[in-house]
Amino acid sequence: MDEREYFQYPAFWARVRVRYLKDRGHFLWFVVQLEIFWNDVWTPISRYDTSHGFVHRDDLQPNGEQIKTLPMLFPNHEDALNFAVRDFRLNYESYTERYKKWIR
């Protein structure tokens, strides 16, 4: 089994954390989390994962509440992971703006 974690930085203040477990070329589970550097700490603001046995996204509000996107359908976990990484790399600014509006 191969468990890994790495980061991608679409901006100096935003990063995408990718963590997964793979067995014989197949993803067993993953977490792709968008984090921003806010008030001197890395703060998660949105996350795709496979907890609960299905792919979904949790948008994390400043007050600790989560907005869960219902199960998202993908042919396999690899496609879902790639979609999540691409979504956060392309749309990190809009996710960040929404988070900042929740703070106000």
N, C-alpha and C. Protein backbone atom coordinates (compact mmCIF):
# COMPACT_ATOMS: atom_id res chain seq x y z
N MET A 1 0.84 -1.18 0.00
CA MET A 1 0.00 0.00 0.00
C MET A 1 0.89 1.24 0.00
N ASP A 2 0.38 2.26 -0.63
CA ASP A 2 1.14 3.50 -0.81
C ASP A 2 0.32 4.68 -0.30
N GLU A 3 0.72 5.24 0.85
CA GLU A 3 0.04 6.41 1.40
C GLU A 3 0.94 7.62 1.21
N ARG A 4 0.38 8.69 0.66
CA ARG A 4 1.17 9.89 0.38
C ARG A 4 0.40 11.15 0.72
N GLU A 5 1.20 12.22 0.92
CA GLU A 5 0.65 13.55 1.11
C GLU A 5 1.60 14.53 0.45
N TYR A 6 1.02 15.49 -0.27
CA TYR A 6 1.83 16.54 -0.89
C TYR A 6 0.99 17.80 -1.00
N PHE A 7 1.67 18.92 -1.32
CA PHE A 7 1.01 20.21 -1.43
C PHE A 7 1.27 20.82 -2.80
N GLN A 8 0.29 21.56 -3.29
CA GLN A 8 0.45 22.41 -4.48
C GLN A 8 0.06 23.82 -4.05
N TYR A 9 0.78 24.81 -4.58
CA TYR A 9 0.57 26.21 -4.18
C TYR A 9 0.14 27.04 -5.39
N PRO A 10 -1.18 27.22 -5.59
CA PRO A 10 -1.63 28.08 -6.68
C PRO A 10 -1.34 29.56 -6.42
N ALA A 11 -1.10 29.92 -5.16
CA ALA A 11 -0.71 31.28 -4.76
C ALA A 11 0.10 31.15 -3.48
N PHE A 12 0.86 32.16 -3.14
CA PHE A 12 1.68 32.07 -1.93
C PHE A 12 0.84 31.96 -0.67
N TRP A 13 -0.42 32.37 -0.73
CA TRP A 13 -1.32 32.36 0.42
C TRP A 13 -2.38 31.25 0.34
N ALA A 14 -2.31 30.43 -0.68
CA ALA A 14 -3.29 29.35 -0.87
C ALA A 14 -2.54 28.06 -1.22
N ARG A 15 -3.01 26.96 -0.64
CA ARG A 15 -2.40 25.68 -0.98
C ARG A 15 -3.46 24.60 -1.06
N VAL A 16 -3.15 23.59 -1.86
CA VAL A 16 -4.01 22.42 -2.01
C VAL A 16 -3.26 21.25 -1.39
N ARG A 17 -3.83 20.69 -0.34
CA ARG A 17 -3.23 19.52 0.34
C ARG A 17 -3.87 18.27 -0.26
N VAL A 18 -3.05 17.35 -0.72
CA VAL A 18 -3.54 16.11 -1.31
C VAL A 18 -2.99 14.94 -0.49
N ARG A 19 -3.89 14.10 -0.03
CA ARG A 19 -3.49 12.92 0.74
C ARG A 19 -4.31 11.74 0.24
N TYR A 20 -3.65 10.59 0.06
CA TYR A 20 -4.38 9.43 -0.45
C TYR A 20 -3.70 8.13 -0.04
N LEU A 21 -4.47 7.05 -0.17
CA LEU A 21 -3.97 5.70 0.00
C LEU A 21 -4.28 4.94 -1.28
N LYS A 22 -3.26 4.30 -1.81
CA LYS A 22 -3.37 3.59 -3.07
C LYS A 22 -2.90 2.15 -2.85
N ASP A 23 -3.57 1.21 -3.50
CA ASP A 23 -3.16 -0.18 -3.44
C ASP A 23 -3.21 -0.77 -4.84
N ARG A 24 -2.08 -1.24 -5.30
CA ARG A 24 -1.96 -1.84 -6.65
C ARG A 24 -2.55 -0.95 -7.73
N GLY A 25 -2.25 0.35 -7.63
CA GLY A 25 -2.68 1.30 -8.66
C GLY A 25 -4.08 1.86 -8.50
N HIS A 26 -4.78 1.43 -7.46
CA HIS A 26 -6.16 1.90 -7.25
C HIS A 26 -6.22 2.74 -5.98
N PHE A 27 -6.89 3.88 -6.08
CA PHE A 27 -7.06 4.75 -4.92
C PHE A 27 -8.13 4.16 -4.01
N LEU A 28 -7.77 3.94 -2.75
CA LEU A 28 -8.72 3.41 -1.78
C LEU A 28 -9.48 4.54 -1.10
N TRP A 29 -8.77 5.64 -0.80
CA TRP A 29 -9.40 6.84 -0.24
C TRP A 29 -8.52 8.04 -0.55
N PHE A 30 -9.12 9.23 -0.43
CA PHE A 30 -8.34 10.45 -0.62
C PHE A 30 -8.99 11.62 0.11
N VAL A 31 -8.17 12.64 0.32
CA VAL A 31 -8.62 13.94 0.83
C VAL A 31 -7.89 14.99 0.02
N VAL A 32 -8.63 15.93 -0.56
CA VAL A 32 -8.05 17.08 -1.24
C VAL A 32 -8.64 18.30 -0.55
N GLN A 33 -7.77 19.09 0.07
CA GLN A 33 -8.24 20.19 0.92
C GLN A 33 -7.64 21.51 0.47
N LEU A 34 -8.48 22.52 0.32
CA LEU A 34 -8.03 23.87 0.01
C LEU A 34 -7.82 24.61 1.32
N GLU A 35 -6.63 25.18 1.48
CA GLU A 35 -6.28 25.92 2.69
C GLU A 35 -5.76 27.29 2.30
N ILE A 36 -6.06 28.28 3.15
CA ILE A 36 -5.52 29.63 2.93
C ILE A 36 -4.74 30.05 4.18
N PHE A 37 -3.75 30.90 3.97
CA PHE A 37 -2.99 31.42 5.10
C PHE A 37 -3.75 32.62 5.64
N TRP A 38 -4.41 32.44 6.77
CA TRP A 38 -5.32 33.43 7.33
C TRP A 38 -5.00 33.60 8.81
N ASN A 39 -4.78 34.83 9.23
CA ASN A 39 -4.43 35.13 10.63
C ASN A 39 -3.24 34.30 11.11
N ASP A 40 -2.24 34.21 10.24
CA ASP A 40 -0.96 33.54 10.55
C ASP A 40 -1.04 32.02 10.72
N VAL A 41 -2.10 31.39 10.25
CA VAL A 41 -2.19 29.92 10.28
C VAL A 41 -2.81 29.43 8.97
N TRP A 42 -2.46 28.21 8.58
CA TRP A 42 -3.10 27.59 7.42
C TRP A 42 -4.48 27.11 7.85
N THR A 43 -5.50 27.62 7.18
CA THR A 43 -6.89 27.38 7.55
C THR A 43 -7.61 26.64 6.43
N PRO A 44 -8.17 25.46 6.70
CA PRO A 44 -8.93 24.75 5.66
C PRO A 44 -10.26 25.46 5.40
N ILE A 45 -10.59 25.61 4.10
CA ILE A 45 -11.85 26.28 3.76
C ILE A 45 -12.78 25.39 2.92
N SER A 46 -12.24 24.35 2.29
CA SER A 46 -13.07 23.43 1.53
C SER A 46 -12.30 22.12 1.36
N ARG A 47 -13.06 21.02 1.25
CA ARG A 47 -12.41 19.72 1.20
C ARG A 47 -13.25 18.74 0.39
N TYR A 48 -12.62 18.01 -0.51
CA TYR A 48 -13.21 16.84 -1.15
C TYR A 48 -12.64 15.62 -0.44
N ASP A 49 -13.48 14.64 -0.18
CA ASP A 49 -12.93 13.41 0.40
C ASP A 49 -13.87 12.23 0.14
N THR A 50 -13.41 11.07 0.57
CA THR A 50 -14.17 9.84 0.37
C THR A 50 -14.65 9.26 1.70
N SER A 51 -14.64 10.07 2.76
CA SER A 51 -15.17 9.56 4.03
C SER A 51 -16.67 9.29 3.85
N HIS A 52 -17.22 8.50 4.71
CA HIS A 52 -18.62 8.07 4.63
C HIS A 52 -18.86 7.13 3.46
N GLY A 53 -17.77 6.72 2.76
CA GLY A 53 -17.90 5.74 1.68
C GLY A 53 -18.27 6.30 0.32
N PHE A 54 -18.26 7.63 0.18
CA PHE A 54 -18.57 8.22 -1.12
C PHE A 54 -17.83 9.55 -1.26
N VAL A 55 -17.68 9.99 -2.51
CA VAL A 55 -17.01 11.26 -2.79
C VAL A 55 -17.98 12.40 -2.54
N HIS A 56 -17.53 13.41 -1.80
CA HIS A 56 -18.34 14.60 -1.55
C HIS A 56 -17.41 15.76 -1.21
N ARG A 57 -17.99 16.96 -1.18
CA ARG A 57 -17.23 18.16 -0.81
C ARG A 57 -17.86 18.76 0.44
N ASP A 58 -17.00 19.20 1.35
CA ASP A 58 -17.42 19.93 2.54
C ASP A 58 -16.86 21.34 2.43
N ASP A 59 -17.72 22.34 2.48
CA ASP A 59 -17.28 23.72 2.54
C ASP A 59 -17.29 24.12 4.01
N LEU A 60 -16.14 24.56 4.50
CA LEU A 60 -15.94 24.79 5.92
C LEU A 60 -16.12 26.27 6.24
N GLN A 61 -17.09 26.58 7.07
CA GLN A 61 -17.37 27.96 7.42
C GLN A 61 -16.52 28.39 8.61
N PRO A 62 -16.26 29.69 8.76
CA PRO A 62 -15.45 30.19 9.87
C PRO A 62 -16.00 29.82 11.26
N ASN A 63 -17.31 29.65 11.37
CA ASN A 63 -17.91 29.31 12.67
C ASN A 63 -17.84 27.81 12.97
N GLY A 64 -17.20 27.02 12.10
CA GLY A 64 -17.04 25.59 12.32
C GLY A 64 -18.08 24.73 11.64
N GLU A 65 -19.14 25.33 11.13
CA GLU A 65 -20.16 24.54 10.43
C GLU A 65 -19.64 24.10 9.08
N GLN A 66 -20.22 23.00 8.57
CA GLN A 66 -19.85 22.48 7.27
C GLN A 66 -21.07 22.42 6.37
N ILE A 67 -20.86 22.78 5.13
CA ILE A 67 -21.90 22.62 4.11
C ILE A 67 -21.47 21.44 3.26
N LYS A 68 -22.22 20.36 3.32
CA LYS A 68 -21.86 19.13 2.63
C LYS A 68 -22.56 19.05 1.28
N THR A 69 -21.79 18.78 0.24
CA THR A 69 -22.34 18.51 -1.08
C THR A 69 -22.69 17.03 -1.12
N LEU A 70 -23.88 16.73 -1.57
CA LEU A 70 -24.33 15.34 -1.61
C LEU A 70 -23.35 14.49 -2.43
N PRO A 71 -23.48 13.17 -2.37
CA PRO A 71 -22.54 12.32 -3.09
C PRO A 71 -22.34 12.78 -4.53
N MET A 72 -21.07 12.80 -4.92
CA MET A 72 -20.70 13.20 -6.27
C MET A 72 -20.30 11.93 -7.02
N LEU A 73 -20.80 11.76 -8.23
CA LEU A 73 -20.58 10.52 -8.97
C LEU A 73 -19.41 10.66 -9.93
N PHE A 74 -18.45 9.76 -9.81
CA PHE A 74 -17.29 9.66 -10.69
C PHE A 74 -17.08 8.19 -11.01
N PRO A 75 -16.48 7.90 -12.15
CA PRO A 75 -16.22 6.49 -12.50
C PRO A 75 -15.32 5.79 -11.49
N ASN A 76 -14.39 6.56 -10.87
CA ASN A 76 -13.46 5.97 -9.91
C ASN A 76 -12.87 7.09 -9.05
N HIS A 77 -12.15 6.70 -8.01
CA HIS A 77 -11.58 7.68 -7.09
C HIS A 77 -10.46 8.49 -7.75
N GLU A 78 -9.76 7.92 -8.70
CA GLU A 78 -8.69 8.68 -9.37
C GLU A 78 -9.27 9.87 -10.14
N ASP A 79 -10.36 9.64 -10.86
CA ASP A 79 -11.02 10.74 -11.58
C ASP A 79 -11.53 11.80 -10.60
N ALA A 80 -12.08 11.37 -9.48
CA ALA A 80 -12.59 12.31 -8.48
C ALA A 80 -11.45 13.14 -7.88
N LEU A 81 -10.34 12.49 -7.55
CA LEU A 81 -9.19 13.20 -6.99
C LEU A 81 -8.67 14.23 -7.99
N ASN A 82 -8.53 13.84 -9.24
CA ASN A 82 -8.04 14.78 -10.26
C ASN A 82 -9.00 15.95 -10.45
N PHE A 83 -10.31 15.68 -10.41
CA PHE A 83 -11.30 16.75 -10.51
C PHE A 83 -11.14 17.73 -9.34
N ALA A 84 -10.98 17.20 -8.13
CA ALA A 84 -10.87 18.03 -6.93
C ALA A 84 -9.63 18.92 -6.99
N VAL A 85 -8.50 18.36 -7.36
CA VAL A 85 -7.26 19.14 -7.46
C VAL A 85 -7.43 20.24 -8.50
N ARG A 86 -7.98 19.91 -9.65
CA ARG A 86 -8.18 20.90 -10.72
C ARG A 86 -9.15 21.99 -10.27
N ASP A 87 -10.24 21.60 -9.62
CA ASP A 87 -11.22 22.58 -9.14
C ASP A 87 -10.56 23.59 -8.21
N PHE A 88 -9.81 23.12 -7.23
CA PHE A 88 -9.19 24.04 -6.28
C PHE A 88 -8.09 24.87 -6.91
N ARG A 89 -7.32 24.30 -7.82
CA ARG A 89 -6.25 25.07 -8.47
C ARG A 89 -6.83 26.17 -9.36
N LEU A 90 -7.95 25.91 -9.99
CA LEU A 90 -8.56 26.90 -10.89
C LEU A 90 -9.45 27.90 -10.16
N ASN A 91 -10.06 27.49 -9.05
CA ASN A 91 -11.10 28.30 -8.41
C ASN A 91 -10.78 28.71 -6.98
N TYR A 92 -9.53 28.63 -6.57
CA TYR A 92 -9.17 28.94 -5.18
C TYR A 92 -9.56 30.37 -4.82
N GLU A 93 -9.51 31.30 -5.76
CA GLU A 93 -9.85 32.69 -5.45
C GLU A 93 -11.34 32.83 -5.11
N SER A 94 -12.21 32.15 -5.86
CA SER A 94 -13.64 32.28 -5.57
C SER A 94 -14.01 31.59 -4.26
N TYR A 95 -13.39 30.45 -3.96
CA TYR A 95 -13.63 29.80 -2.67
C TYR A 95 -13.16 30.72 -1.53
N THR A 96 -12.03 31.38 -1.72
CA THR A 96 -11.49 32.28 -0.70
C THR A 96 -12.40 33.48 -0.50
N GLU A 97 -12.89 34.07 -1.57
CA GLU A 97 -13.79 35.22 -1.45
C GLU A 97 -15.07 34.84 -0.71
N ARG A 98 -15.61 33.67 -1.01
CA ARG A 98 -16.81 33.22 -0.32
C ARG A 98 -16.54 33.06 1.18
N TYR A 99 -15.40 32.47 1.53
CA TYR A 99 -15.02 32.30 2.93
C TYR A 99 -14.92 33.65 3.64
N LYS A 100 -14.30 34.62 2.97
CA LYS A 100 -14.16 35.95 3.57
C LYS A 100 -15.52 36.63 3.76
N LYS A 101 -16.46 36.39 2.85
CA LYS A 101 -17.81 36.94 3.03
C LYS A 101 -18.50 36.31 4.24
N TRP A 102 -18.25 35.03 4.47
CA TRP A 102 -18.84 34.37 5.64
C TRP A 102 -18.32 34.98 6.93
N ILE A 103 -17.07 35.47 6.91
CA ILE A 103 -16.48 36.07 8.10
C ILE A 103 -17.18 37.38 8.44
N ARG A 104 -17.55 38.15 7.42
CA ARG A 104 -18.16 39.48 7.63
C ARG A 104 -19.51 39.41 8.25
